[in-house]
């Protein structure tokens, strides 16, 4: 699988995960969002994407859902921290969808 961004071909895995994490960009995130049937990314989407990326860059691993909800609650309040909220923006959730849009590596055990 691949995506084209600004005339450059970027390799994705069969499941749509970015193969070279250094190739991530906001334009690629928008393309992956289309592939994931999310549509246009709103500021709420970007808040999740950027928070997931920040955690990964600081810790070298993706945040598991419970920890991510806690981080979101601290940053954005209770209304924007639940798994239900995240699923409302990313239909297959944090692990399978938001992390993919954020250009993060596929967690072990995730298809």
PDB file of N, CA and C in Angstrom:
ATOM      1  N   UNK A   1       0.853  -1.166   0.000  1.00  0.00           N
ATOM      2  CA  UNK A   1       0.000   0.000   0.000  1.00  0.00           C
ATOM      3  C   UNK A   1       0.907   1.240   0.000  1.00  0.00           C
ATOM      4  N   UNK A   2       0.396   2.309  -0.544  1.00  0.00           N
ATOM      5  CA  UNK A   2       1.171   3.548  -0.570  1.00  0.00           C
ATOM      6  C   UNK A   2       0.250   4.760  -0.575  1.00  0.00           C
ATOM      7  N   UNK A   3       0.849   5.908  -0.293  1.00  0.00           N
ATOM      8  CA  UNK A   3       0.132   7.181  -0.346  1.00  0.00           C
ATOM      9  C   UNK A   3       1.006   8.151  -1.133  1.00  0.00           C
ATOM     10  N   UNK A   4       0.365   9.063  -1.819  1.00  0.00           N
ATOM     11  CA  UNK A   4       1.109  10.094  -2.534  1.00  0.00           C
ATOM     12  C   UNK A   4       0.834  11.425  -1.868  1.00  0.00           C
ATOM     13  N   UNK A   5       1.917  12.085  -1.473  1.00  0.00           N
ATOM     14  CA  UNK A   5       1.817  13.383  -0.801  1.00  0.00           C
ATOM     15  C   UNK A   5       2.801  14.328  -1.468  1.00  0.00           C
ATOM     16  N   UNK A   6       2.256  15.408  -2.013  1.00  0.00           N
ATOM     17  CA  UNK A   6       3.087  16.413  -2.688  1.00  0.00           C
ATOM     18  C   UNK A   6       4.015  15.790  -3.725  1.00  0.00           C
ATOM     19  N   UNK A   7       3.493  14.845  -4.481  1.00  0.00           N
ATOM     20  CA  UNK A   7       4.250  14.212  -5.546  1.00  0.00           C
ATOM     21  C   UNK A   7       5.214  13.128  -5.094  1.00  0.00           C
ATOM     22  N   UNK A   8       5.272  12.858  -3.810  1.00  0.00           N
ATOM     23  CA  UNK A   8       6.177  11.836  -3.267  1.00  0.00           C
ATOM     24  C   UNK A   8       5.369  10.606  -2.873  1.00  0.00           C
ATOM     25  N   UNK A   9       5.859   9.430  -3.268  1.00  0.00           N
ATOM     26  CA  UNK A   9       5.219   8.173  -2.907  1.00  0.00           C
ATOM     27  C   UNK A   9       5.759   7.728  -1.553  1.00  0.00           C
ATOM     28  N   UNK A  10       4.845   7.454  -0.631  1.00  0.00           N
ATOM     29  CA  UNK A  10       5.217   7.032   0.713  1.00  0.00           C
ATOM     30  C   UNK A  10       4.661   5.631   0.944  1.00  0.00           C
ATOM     31  N   UNK A  11       5.531   4.723   1.374  1.00  0.00           N
ATOM     32  CA  UNK A  11       5.138   3.334   1.585  1.00  0.00           C
ATOM     33  C   UNK A  11       4.387   3.167   2.891  1.00  0.00           C
ATOM     34  N   UNK A  12       3.276   2.430   2.787  1.00  0.00           N
ATOM     35  CA  UNK A  12       2.481   2.037   3.945  1.00  0.00           C
ATOM     36  C   UNK A  12       2.403   0.519   3.958  1.00  0.00           C
ATOM     37  N   UNK A  13       2.196  -0.061   5.124  1.00  0.00           N
ATOM     38  CA  UNK A  13       2.015  -1.506   5.202  1.00  0.00           C
ATOM     39  C   UNK A  13       0.686  -1.885   4.565  1.00  0.00           C
ATOM     40  N   UNK A  14       0.457  -3.170   4.420  1.00  0.00           N
ATOM     41  CA  UNK A  14      -0.815  -3.651   3.865  1.00  0.00           C
ATOM     42  C   UNK A  14      -2.011  -3.129   4.664  1.00  0.00           C
ATOM     43  N   UNK A  15      -1.826  -2.958   5.976  1.00  0.00           N
ATOM     44  CA  UNK A  15      -2.906  -2.469   6.841  1.00  0.00           C
ATOM     45  C   UNK A  15      -2.949  -0.949   6.926  1.00  0.00           C
ATOM     46  N   UNK A  16      -2.027  -0.262   6.214  1.00  0.00           N
ATOM     47  CA  UNK A  16      -2.052   1.195   6.183  1.00  0.00           C
ATOM     48  C   UNK A  16      -1.160   1.899   7.179  1.00  0.00           C
ATOM     49  N   UNK A  17      -0.257   1.157   7.849  1.00  0.00           N
ATOM     50  CA  UNK A  17       0.670   1.770   8.810  1.00  0.00           C
ATOM     51  C   UNK A  17       1.871   2.338   8.070  1.00  0.00           C
ATOM     52  N   UNK A  18       2.346   3.477   8.504  1.00  0.00           N
ATOM     53  CA  UNK A  18       3.517   4.122   7.913  1.00  0.00           C
ATOM     54  C   UNK A  18       4.749   3.249   8.158  1.00  0.00           C
ATOM     55  N   UNK A  19       5.507   2.975   7.105  1.00  0.00           N
ATOM     56  CA  UNK A  19       6.675   2.101   7.251  1.00  0.00           C
ATOM     57  C   UNK A  19       7.902   2.866   7.735  1.00  0.00           C
ATOM     58  N   UNK A  20       8.098   4.091   7.265  1.00  0.00           N
ATOM     59  CA  UNK A  20       9.225   4.918   7.700  1.00  0.00           C
ATOM     60  C   UNK A  20       8.649   6.087   8.493  1.00  0.00           C
ATOM     61  N   UNK A  21       8.769   6.026   9.812  1.00  0.00           N
ATOM     62  CA  UNK A  21       8.144   7.039  10.671  1.00  0.00           C
ATOM     63  C   UNK A  21       8.636   8.453  10.390  1.00  0.00           C
ATOM     64  N   UNK A  22       9.825   8.583   9.832  1.00  0.00           N
ATOM     65  CA  UNK A  22      10.376   9.903   9.520  1.00  0.00           C
ATOM     66  C   UNK A  22       9.650  10.580   8.359  1.00  0.00           C
ATOM     67  N   UNK A  23       8.834   9.841   7.625  1.00  0.00           N
ATOM     68  CA  UNK A  23       8.126  10.409   6.478  1.00  0.00           C
ATOM     69  C   UNK A  23       6.767  11.009   6.857  1.00  0.00           C
ATOM     70  N   UNK A  24       6.409  10.954   8.139  1.00  0.00           N
ATOM     71  CA  UNK A  24       5.113  11.484   8.554  1.00  0.00           C
ATOM     72  C   UNK A  24       5.048  12.990   8.342  1.00  0.00           C
ATOM     73  N   UNK A  25       3.891  13.461   7.935  1.00  0.00           N
ATOM     74  CA  UNK A  25       3.614  14.887   7.820  1.00  0.00           C
ATOM     75  C   UNK A  25       2.116  15.077   8.030  1.00  0.00           C
ATOM     76  N   UNK A  26       1.708  16.303   8.236  1.00  0.00           N
ATOM     77  CA  UNK A  26       0.274  16.568   8.380  1.00  0.00           C
ATOM     78  C   UNK A  26      -0.467  16.220   7.100  1.00  0.00           C
ATOM     79  N   UNK A  27       0.166  16.445   5.961  1.00  0.00           N
ATOM     80  CA  UNK A  27      -0.481  16.091   4.685  1.00  0.00           C
ATOM     81  C   UNK A  27      -0.682  14.584   4.575  1.00  0.00           C
ATOM     82  N   UNK A  28       0.311  13.814   5.016  1.00  0.00           N
ATOM     83  CA  UNK A  28       0.164  12.358   5.011  1.00  0.00           C
ATOM     84  C   UNK A  28      -0.932  11.937   5.986  1.00  0.00           C
ATOM     85  N   UNK A  29      -0.994  12.580   7.144  1.00  0.00           N
ATOM     86  CA  UNK A  29      -2.036  12.267   8.122  1.00  0.00           C
ATOM     87  C   UNK A  29      -3.423  12.449   7.501  1.00  0.00           C
ATOM     88  N   UNK A  30      -3.580  13.507   6.735  1.00  0.00           N
ATOM     89  CA  UNK A  30      -4.870  13.751   6.066  1.00  0.00           C
ATOM     90  C   UNK A  30      -5.187  12.630   5.087  1.00  0.00           C
ATOM     91  N   UNK A  31      -4.178  12.144   4.374  1.00  0.00           N
ATOM     92  CA  UNK A  31      -4.371  11.051   3.416  1.00  0.00           C
ATOM     93  C   UNK A  31      -4.744   9.752   4.142  1.00  0.00           C
ATOM     94  N   UNK A  32      -4.046   9.466   5.230  1.00  0.00           N
ATOM     95  CA  UNK A  32      -4.351   8.261   6.003  1.00  0.00           C
ATOM     96  C   UNK A  32      -5.762   8.366   6.580  1.00  0.00           C
ATOM     97  N   UNK A  33      -6.155   9.551   7.009  1.00  0.00           N
ATOM     98  CA  UNK A  33      -7.511   9.749   7.536  1.00  0.00           C
ATOM     99  C   UNK A  33      -8.559   9.407   6.481  1.00  0.00           C
ATOM    100  N   UNK A  34      -8.308   9.791   5.246  1.00  0.00           N
ATOM    101  CA  UNK A  34      -9.224   9.438   4.154  1.00  0.00           C
ATOM    102  C   UNK A  34      -9.274   7.926   4.006  1.00  0.00           C
ATOM    103  N   UNK A  35      -8.107   7.268   4.023  1.00  0.00           N
ATOM    104  CA  UNK A  35      -8.050   5.810   3.913  1.00  0.00           C
ATOM    105  C   UNK A  35      -8.812   5.131   5.047  1.00  0.00           C
ATOM    106  N   UNK A  36      -8.802   5.747   6.219  1.00  0.00           N
ATOM    107  CA  UNK A  36      -9.478   5.191   7.396  1.00  0.00           C
ATOM    108  C   UNK A  36     -10.953   5.614   7.478  1.00  0.00           C
ATOM    109  N   UNK A  37     -11.422   6.310   6.461  1.00  0.00           N
ATOM    110  CA  UNK A  37     -12.813   6.758   6.369  1.00  0.00           C
ATOM    111  C   UNK A  37     -13.206   7.705   7.506  1.00  0.00           C
ATOM    112  N   UNK A  38     -12.261   8.570   7.870  1.00  0.00           N
ATOM    113  CA  UNK A  38     -12.519   9.574   8.901  1.00  0.00           C
ATOM    114  C   UNK A  38     -13.044  10.856   8.282  1.00  0.00           C
ATOM    115  N   UNK A  39     -12.547  11.179   7.113  1.00  0.00           N
ATOM    116  CA  UNK A  39     -12.933  12.436   6.489  1.00  0.00           C
ATOM    117  C   UNK A  39     -11.974  13.531   6.901  1.00  0.00           C
ATOM    118  N   UNK A  40     -12.469  14.747   6.915  1.00  0.00           N
ATOM    119  CA  UNK A  40     -11.610  15.890   7.235  1.00  0.00           C
ATOM    120  C   UNK A  40     -11.247  15.900   8.713  1.00  0.00           C
ATOM    121  N   UNK A  41      -9.976  16.149   8.991  1.00  0.00           N
ATOM    122  CA  UNK A  41      -9.513  16.204  10.376  1.00  0.00           C
ATOM    123  C   UNK A  41      -9.834  17.565  10.983  1.00  0.00           C
ATOM    124  N   UNK A  42     -10.534  17.549  12.112  1.00  0.00           N
ATOM    125  CA  UNK A  42     -10.875  18.770  12.845  1.00  0.00           C
ATOM    126  C   UNK A  42      -9.799  19.045  13.896  1.00  0.00           C
ATOM    127  N   UNK A  43      -9.924  20.165  14.581  1.00  0.00           N
ATOM    128  CA  UNK A  43      -8.978  20.472  15.659  1.00  0.00           C
ATOM    129  C   UNK A  43      -9.021  19.393  16.737  1.00  0.00           C
ATOM    130  N   UNK A  44     -10.189  18.823  16.990  1.00  0.00           N
ATOM    131  CA  UNK A  44     -10.286  17.751  17.985  1.00  0.00           C
ATOM    132  C   UNK A  44      -9.481  16.520  17.553  1.00  0.00           C
ATOM    133  N   UNK A  45      -9.533  16.188  16.261  1.00  0.00           N
ATOM    134  CA  UNK A  45      -8.709  15.097  15.747  1.00  0.00           C
ATOM    135  C   UNK A  45      -7.230  15.416  15.952  1.00  0.00           C
ATOM    136  N   UNK A  46      -6.837  16.630  15.573  1.00  0.00           N
ATOM    137  CA  UNK A  46      -5.428  17.027  15.682  1.00  0.00           C
ATOM    138  C   UNK A  46      -4.954  17.011  17.122  1.00  0.00           C
ATOM    139  N   UNK A  47      -5.828  17.359  18.076  1.00  0.00           N
ATOM    140  CA  UNK A  47      -5.434  17.320  19.485  1.00  0.00           C
ATOM    141  C   UNK A  47      -5.052  15.900  19.892  1.00  0.00           C
ATOM    142  N   UNK A  48      -5.810  14.914  19.431  1.00  0.00           N
ATOM    143  CA  UNK A  48      -5.509  13.520  19.737  1.00  0.00           C
ATOM    144  C   UNK A  48      -4.239  13.082  19.015  1.00  0.00           C
ATOM    145  N   UNK A  49      -4.152  13.390  17.731  1.00  0.00           N
ATOM    146  CA  UNK A  49      -2.975  13.016  16.940  1.00  0.00           C
ATOM    147  C   UNK A  49      -1.712  13.617  17.555  1.00  0.00           C
ATOM    148  N   UNK A  50      -1.735  14.892  17.848  1.00  0.00           N
ATOM    149  CA  UNK A  50      -0.549  15.560  18.392  1.00  0.00           C
ATOM    150  C   UNK A  50      -0.191  15.051  19.784  1.00  0.00           C
ATOM    151  N   UNK A  51      -1.193  14.767  20.609  1.00  0.00           N
ATOM    152  CA  UNK A  51      -0.936  14.224  21.942  1.00  0.00           C
ATOM    153  C   UNK A  51      -0.318  12.833  21.836  1.00  0.00           C
ATOM    154  N   UNK A  52      -0.828  12.014  20.929  1.00  0.00           N
ATOM    155  CA  UNK A  52      -0.262  10.669  20.727  1.00  0.00           C
ATOM    156  C   UNK A  52       1.179  10.764  20.246  1.00  0.00           C
ATOM    157  N   UNK A  53       1.445  11.676  19.314  1.00  0.00           N
ATOM    158  CA  UNK A  53       2.808  11.849  18.797  1.00  0.00           C
ATOM    159  C   UNK A  53       3.745  12.354  19.891  1.00  0.00           C
ATOM    160  N   UNK A  54       3.297  13.320  20.678  1.00  0.00           N
ATOM    161  CA  UNK A  54       4.123  13.853  21.760  1.00  0.00           C
ATOM    162  C   UNK A  54       4.513  12.747  22.738  1.00  0.00           C
ATOM    163  N   UNK A  55       3.530  11.921  23.114  1.00  0.00           N
ATOM    164  CA  UNK A  55       3.817  10.842  24.054  1.00  0.00           C
ATOM    165  C   UNK A  55       4.847   9.883  23.458  1.00  0.00           C
ATOM    166  N   UNK A  56       4.657   9.518  22.194  1.00  0.00           N
ATOM    167  CA  UNK A  56       5.587   8.596  21.538  1.00  0.00           C
ATOM    168  C   UNK A  56       6.991   9.188  21.467  1.00  0.00           C
ATOM    169  N   UNK A  57       7.097  10.446  21.075  1.00  0.00           N
ATOM    170  CA  UNK A  57       8.410  11.074  20.940  1.00  0.00           C
ATOM    171  C   UNK A  57       9.133  11.190  22.286  1.00  0.00           C
ATOM    172  N   UNK A  58       8.375  11.373  23.359  1.00  0.00           N
ATOM    173  CA  UNK A  58       8.973  11.484  24.696  1.00  0.00           C
ATOM    174  C   UNK A  58       9.330  10.132  25.297  1.00  0.00           C
ATOM    175  N   UNK A  59       8.550   9.069  24.945  1.00  0.00           N
ATOM    176  CA  UNK A  59       8.685   7.785  25.627  1.00  0.00           C
ATOM    177  C   UNK A  59       9.138   6.624  24.739  1.00  0.00           C
ATOM    178  N   UNK A  60       9.094   6.806  23.430  1.00  0.00           N
ATOM    179  CA  UNK A  60       9.532   5.754  22.521  1.00  0.00           C
ATOM    180  C   UNK A  60       8.556   4.620  22.311  1.00  0.00           C
ATOM    181  N   UNK A  61       7.376   4.724  22.904  1.00  0.00           N
ATOM    182  CA  UNK A  61       6.319   3.727  22.737  1.00  0.00           C
ATOM    183  C   UNK A  61       4.988   4.455  22.606  1.00  0.00           C
ATOM    184  N   UNK A  62       4.018   3.773  22.016  1.00  0.00           N
ATOM    185  CA  UNK A  62       2.685   4.371  21.946  1.00  0.00           C
ATOM    186  C   UNK A  62       1.993   4.188  23.291  1.00  0.00           C
ATOM    187  N   UNK A  63       1.148   5.135  23.648  1.00  0.00           N
ATOM    188  CA  UNK A  63       0.412   5.061  24.914  1.00  0.00           C
ATOM    189  C   UNK A  63      -0.711   4.041  24.794  1.00  0.00           C
ATOM    190  N   UNK A  64      -0.856   3.230  25.814  1.00  0.00           N
ATOM    191  CA  UNK A  64      -1.992   2.303  25.827  1.00  0.00           C
ATOM    192  C   UNK A  64      -3.250   3.109  26.151  1.00  0.00           C
ATOM    193  N   UNK A  65      -4.419   2.615  25.763  1.00  0.00           N
ATOM    194  CA  UNK A  65      -5.642   3.433  25.850  1.00  0.00           C
ATOM    195  C   UNK A  65      -5.952   4.038  27.210  1.00  0.00           C
ATOM    196  N   UNK A  66      -5.790   3.298  28.296  1.00  0.00           N
ATOM    197  CA  UNK A  66      -6.114   3.871  29.620  1.00  0.00           C
ATOM    198  C   UNK A  66      -5.200   5.039  29.966  1.00  0.00           C
ATOM    199  N   UNK A  67      -3.918   4.859  29.709  1.00  0.00           N
ATOM    200  CA  UNK A  67      -2.963   5.935  29.976  1.00  0.00           C
ATOM    201  C   UNK A  67      -3.257   7.129  29.078  1.00  0.00           C
ATOM    202  N   UNK A  68      -3.577   6.857  27.814  1.00  0.00           N
ATOM    203  CA  UNK A  68      -3.864   7.950  26.894  1.00  0.00           C
ATOM    204  C   UNK A  68      -5.085   8.742  27.359  1.00  0.00           C
ATOM    205  N   UNK A  69      -6.111   8.058  27.843  1.00  0.00           N
ATOM    206  CA  UNK A  69      -7.299   8.749  28.369  1.00  0.00           C
ATOM    207  C   UNK A  69      -6.921   9.654  29.534  1.00  0.00           C
ATOM    208  N   UNK A  70      -6.027   9.184  30.392  1.00  0.00           N
ATOM    209  CA  UNK A  70      -5.572   9.991  31.532  1.00  0.00           C
ATOM    210  C   UNK A  70      -4.835  11.242  31.043  1.00  0.00           C
ATOM    211  N   UNK A  71      -3.974  11.066  30.041  1.00  0.00           N
ATOM    212  CA  UNK A  71      -3.236  12.201  29.480  1.00  0.00           C
ATOM    213  C   UNK A  71      -4.202  13.207  28.866  1.00  0.00           C
ATOM    214  N   UNK A  72      -5.182  12.717  28.117  1.00  0.00           N
ATOM    215  CA  UNK A  72      -6.177  13.599  27.496  1.00  0.00           C
ATOM    216  C   UNK A  72      -6.973  14.348  28.558  1.00  0.00           C
ATOM    217  N   UNK A  73      -7.328  13.672  29.637  1.00  0.00           N
ATOM    218  CA  UNK A  73      -8.088  14.307  30.716  1.00  0.00           C
ATOM    219  C   UNK A  73      -7.284  15.446  31.334  1.00  0.00           C
ATOM    220  N   UNK A  74      -5.988  15.216  31.559  1.00  0.00           N
ATOM    221  CA  UNK A  74      -5.135  16.254  32.133  1.00  0.00           C
ATOM    222  C   UNK A  74      -5.002  17.451  31.199  1.00  0.00           C
ATOM    223  N   UNK A  75      -4.920  17.191  29.882  1.00  0.00           N
ATOM    224  CA  UNK A  75      -4.718  18.265  28.910  1.00  0.00           C
ATOM    225  C   UNK A  75      -5.999  18.986  28.518  1.00  0.00           C
ATOM    226  N   UNK A  76      -7.083  18.219  28.333  1.00  0.00           N
ATOM    227  CA  UNK A  76      -8.295  18.780  27.728  1.00  0.00           C
ATOM    228  C   UNK A  76      -9.564  18.634  28.570  1.00  0.00           C
ATOM    229  N   UNK A  77      -9.475  17.998  29.720  1.00  0.00           N
ATOM    230  CA  UNK A  77     -10.635  17.853  30.578  1.00  0.00           C
ATOM    231  C   UNK A  77     -11.380  16.536  30.380  1.00  0.00           C
ATOM    232  N   UNK A  78     -12.270  16.275  31.296  1.00  0.00           N
ATOM    233  CA  UNK A  78     -12.999  15.000  31.339  1.00  0.00           C
ATOM    234  C   UNK A  78     -13.813  14.728  30.075  1.00  0.00           C
ATOM    235  N   UNK A  79     -14.431  15.757  29.509  1.00  0.00           N
ATOM    236  CA  UNK A  79     -15.302  15.564  28.344  1.00  0.00           C
ATOM    237  C   UNK A  79     -14.558  15.076  27.113  1.00  0.00           C
ATOM    238  N   UNK A  80     -13.251  15.273  27.064  1.00  0.00           N
ATOM    239  CA  UNK A  80     -12.483  14.899  25.869  1.00  0.00           C
ATOM    240  C   UNK A  80     -11.469  13.792  26.154  1.00  0.00           C
ATOM    241  N   UNK A  81     -11.770  12.961  27.143  1.00  0.00           N
ATOM    242  CA  UNK A  81     -10.788  11.952  27.518  1.00  0.00           C
ATOM    243  C   UNK A  81     -11.291  10.510  27.449  1.00  0.00           C
ATOM    244  N   UNK A  82     -12.563  10.307  27.319  1.00  0.00           N
ATOM    245  CA  UNK A  82     -13.091   8.940  27.369  1.00  0.00           C
ATOM    246  C   UNK A  82     -12.826   8.172  26.076  1.00  0.00           C
ATOM    247  N   UNK A  83     -12.847   6.859  26.194  1.00  0.00           N
ATOM    248  CA  UNK A  83     -12.709   6.013  25.005  1.00  0.00           C
ATOM    249  C   UNK A  83     -13.866   6.270  24.042  1.00  0.00           C
ATOM    250  N   UNK A  84     -15.044   6.525  24.579  1.00  0.00           N
ATOM    251  CA  UNK A  84     -16.209   6.822  23.737  1.00  0.00           C
ATOM    252  C   UNK A  84     -15.943   8.068  22.883  1.00  0.00           C
ATOM    253  N   UNK A  85     -15.365   9.075  23.495  1.00  0.00           N
ATOM    254  CA  UNK A  85     -15.026  10.306  22.770  1.00  0.00           C
ATOM    255  C   UNK A  85     -14.015  10.015  21.659  1.00  0.00           C
ATOM    256  N   UNK A  86     -12.972   9.276  21.991  1.00  0.00           N
ATOM    257  CA  UNK A  86     -11.940   8.961  20.995  1.00  0.00           C
ATOM    258  C   UNK A  86     -12.540   8.159  19.850  1.00  0.00           C
ATOM    259  N   UNK A  87     -13.371   7.179  20.163  1.00  0.00           N
ATOM    260  CA  UNK A  87     -14.024   6.380  19.115  1.00  0.00           C
ATOM    261  C   UNK A  87     -14.967   7.229  18.266  1.00  0.00           C
ATOM    262  N   UNK A  88     -15.533   8.286  18.837  1.00  0.00           N
ATOM    263  CA  UNK A  88     -16.430   9.137  18.044  1.00  0.00           C
ATOM    264  C   UNK A  88     -15.661   9.872  16.941  1.00  0.00           C
ATOM    265  N   UNK A  89     -14.379  10.083  17.150  1.00  0.00           N
ATOM    266  CA  UNK A  89     -13.543  10.762  16.162  1.00  0.00           C
ATOM    267  C   UNK A  89     -12.752   9.788  15.289  1.00  0.00           C
ATOM    268  N   UNK A  90     -12.327   8.679  15.887  1.00  0.00           N
ATOM    269  CA  UNK A  90     -11.542   7.658  15.198  1.00  0.00           C
ATOM    270  C   UNK A  90     -12.287   6.336  15.338  1.00  0.00           C
ATOM    271  N   UNK A  91     -13.042   5.942  14.316  1.00  0.00           N
ATOM    272  CA  UNK A  91     -13.979   4.815  14.406  1.00  0.00           C
ATOM    273  C   UNK A  91     -13.407   3.496  14.913  1.00  0.00           C
ATOM    274  N   UNK A  92     -12.136   3.228  14.682  1.00  0.00           N
ATOM    275  CA  UNK A  92     -11.566   1.987  15.200  1.00  0.00           C
ATOM    276  C   UNK A  92     -10.664   2.240  16.407  1.00  0.00           C
ATOM    277  N   UNK A  93     -10.781   3.405  17.006  1.00  0.00           N
ATOM    278  CA  UNK A  93     -10.129   3.702  18.272  1.00  0.00           C
ATOM    279  C   UNK A  93      -8.719   4.259  18.189  1.00  0.00           C
ATOM    280  N   UNK A  94      -8.139   4.431  19.360  1.00  0.00           N
ATOM    281  CA  UNK A  94      -6.805   5.006  19.489  1.00  0.00           C
ATOM    282  C   UNK A  94      -5.759   4.118  18.834  1.00  0.00           C
ATOM    283  N   UNK A  95      -5.753   2.857  19.192  1.00  0.00           N
ATOM    284  CA  UNK A  95      -4.679   1.971  18.761  1.00  0.00           C
ATOM    285  C   UNK A  95      -4.701   1.750  17.257  1.00  0.00           C
ATOM    286  N   UNK A  96      -5.839   1.375  16.700  1.00  0.00           N
ATOM    287  CA  UNK A  96      -5.894   1.040  15.282  1.00  0.00           C
ATOM    288  C   UNK A  96      -6.051   2.237  14.367  1.00  0.00           C
ATOM    289  N   UNK A  97      -6.551   3.330  14.841  1.00  0.00           N
ATOM    290  CA  UNK A  97      -6.887   4.426  13.935  1.00  0.00           C
ATOM    291  C   UNK A  97      -6.102   5.704  14.241  1.00  0.00           C
ATOM    292  N   UNK A  98      -6.233   6.230  15.428  1.00  0.00           N
ATOM    293  CA  UNK A  98      -5.569   7.500  15.751  1.00  0.00           C
ATOM    294  C   UNK A  98      -4.054   7.375  15.649  1.00  0.00           C
ATOM    295  N   UNK A  99      -3.494   6.280  16.148  1.00  0.00           N
ATOM    296  CA  UNK A  99      -2.047   6.099  16.058  1.00  0.00           C
ATOM    297  C   UNK A  99      -1.589   5.951  14.613  1.00  0.00           C
ATOM    298  N   UNK A 100      -2.428   5.350  13.789  1.00  0.00           N
ATOM    299  CA  UNK A 100      -2.098   5.193  12.367  1.00  0.00           C
ATOM    300  C   UNK A 100      -2.051   6.567  11.706  1.00  0.00           C
ATOM    301  N   UNK A 101      -3.049   7.403  11.965  1.00  0.00           N
ATOM    302  CA  UNK A 101      -3.082   8.759  11.410  1.00  0.00           C
ATOM    303  C   UNK A 101      -1.891   9.564  11.932  1.00  0.00           C
ATOM    304  N   UNK A 102      -1.507   9.315  13.174  1.00  0.00           N
ATOM    305  CA  UNK A 102      -0.388  10.029  13.792  1.00  0.00           C
ATOM    306  C   UNK A 102       0.971   9.551  13.284  1.00  0.00           C
ATOM    307  N   UNK A 103       0.968   8.527  12.432  1.00  0.00           N
ATOM    308  CA  UNK A 103       2.226   8.038  11.876  1.00  0.00           C
ATOM    309  C   UNK A 103       3.071   7.275  12.875  1.00  0.00           C
ATOM    310  N   UNK A 104       2.428   6.663  13.862  1.00  0.00           N
ATOM    311  CA  UNK A 104       3.147   5.928  14.892  1.00  0.00           C
ATOM    312  C   UNK A 104       3.249   4.455  14.509  1.00  0.00           C
ATOM    313  N   UNK A 105       4.177   3.719  15.120  1.00  0.00           N
ATOM    314  CA  UNK A 105       4.322   2.307  14.773  1.00  0.00           C
ATOM    315  C   UNK A 105       3.130   1.487  15.241  1.00  0.00           C
ATOM    316  N   UNK A 106       2.889   0.406  14.526  1.00  0.00           N
ATOM    317  CA  UNK A 106       1.803  -0.507  14.880  1.00  0.00           C
ATOM    318  C   UNK A 106       2.169  -1.224  16.175  1.00  0.00           C
ATOM    319  N   UNK A 107       1.309  -1.104  17.199  1.00  0.00           N
ATOM    320  CA  UNK A 107       1.586  -1.794  18.468  1.00  0.00           C
ATOM    321  C   UNK A 107       1.531  -3.307  18.284  1.00  0.00           C
ATOM    322  N   UNK A 108       2.295  -4.025  19.089  1.00  0.00           N
ATOM    323  CA  UNK A 108       2.262  -5.485  19.055  1.00  0.00           C
ATOM    324  C   UNK A 108       0.845  -5.967  19.267  1.00  0.00           C
ATOM    325  N   UNK A 109       0.464  -6.970  18.511  1.00  0.00           N
ATOM    326  CA  UNK A 109      -0.853  -7.562  18.656  1.00  0.00           C
ATOM    327  C   UNK A 109      -1.964  -6.808  17.946  1.00  0.00           C
ATOM    328  N   UNK A 110      -1.614  -5.746  17.254  1.00  0.00           N
ATOM    329  CA  UNK A 110      -2.610  -4.943  16.543  1.00  0.00           C
ATOM    330  C   UNK A 110      -2.541  -5.258  15.056  1.00  0.00           C
ATOM    331  N   UNK A 111      -3.714  -5.473  14.445  1.00  0.00           N
ATOM    332  CA  UNK A 111      -3.722  -5.809  13.028  1.00  0.00           C
ATOM    333  C   UNK A 111      -3.654  -4.563  12.163  1.00  0.00           C
TER     334      UNK A 111
END
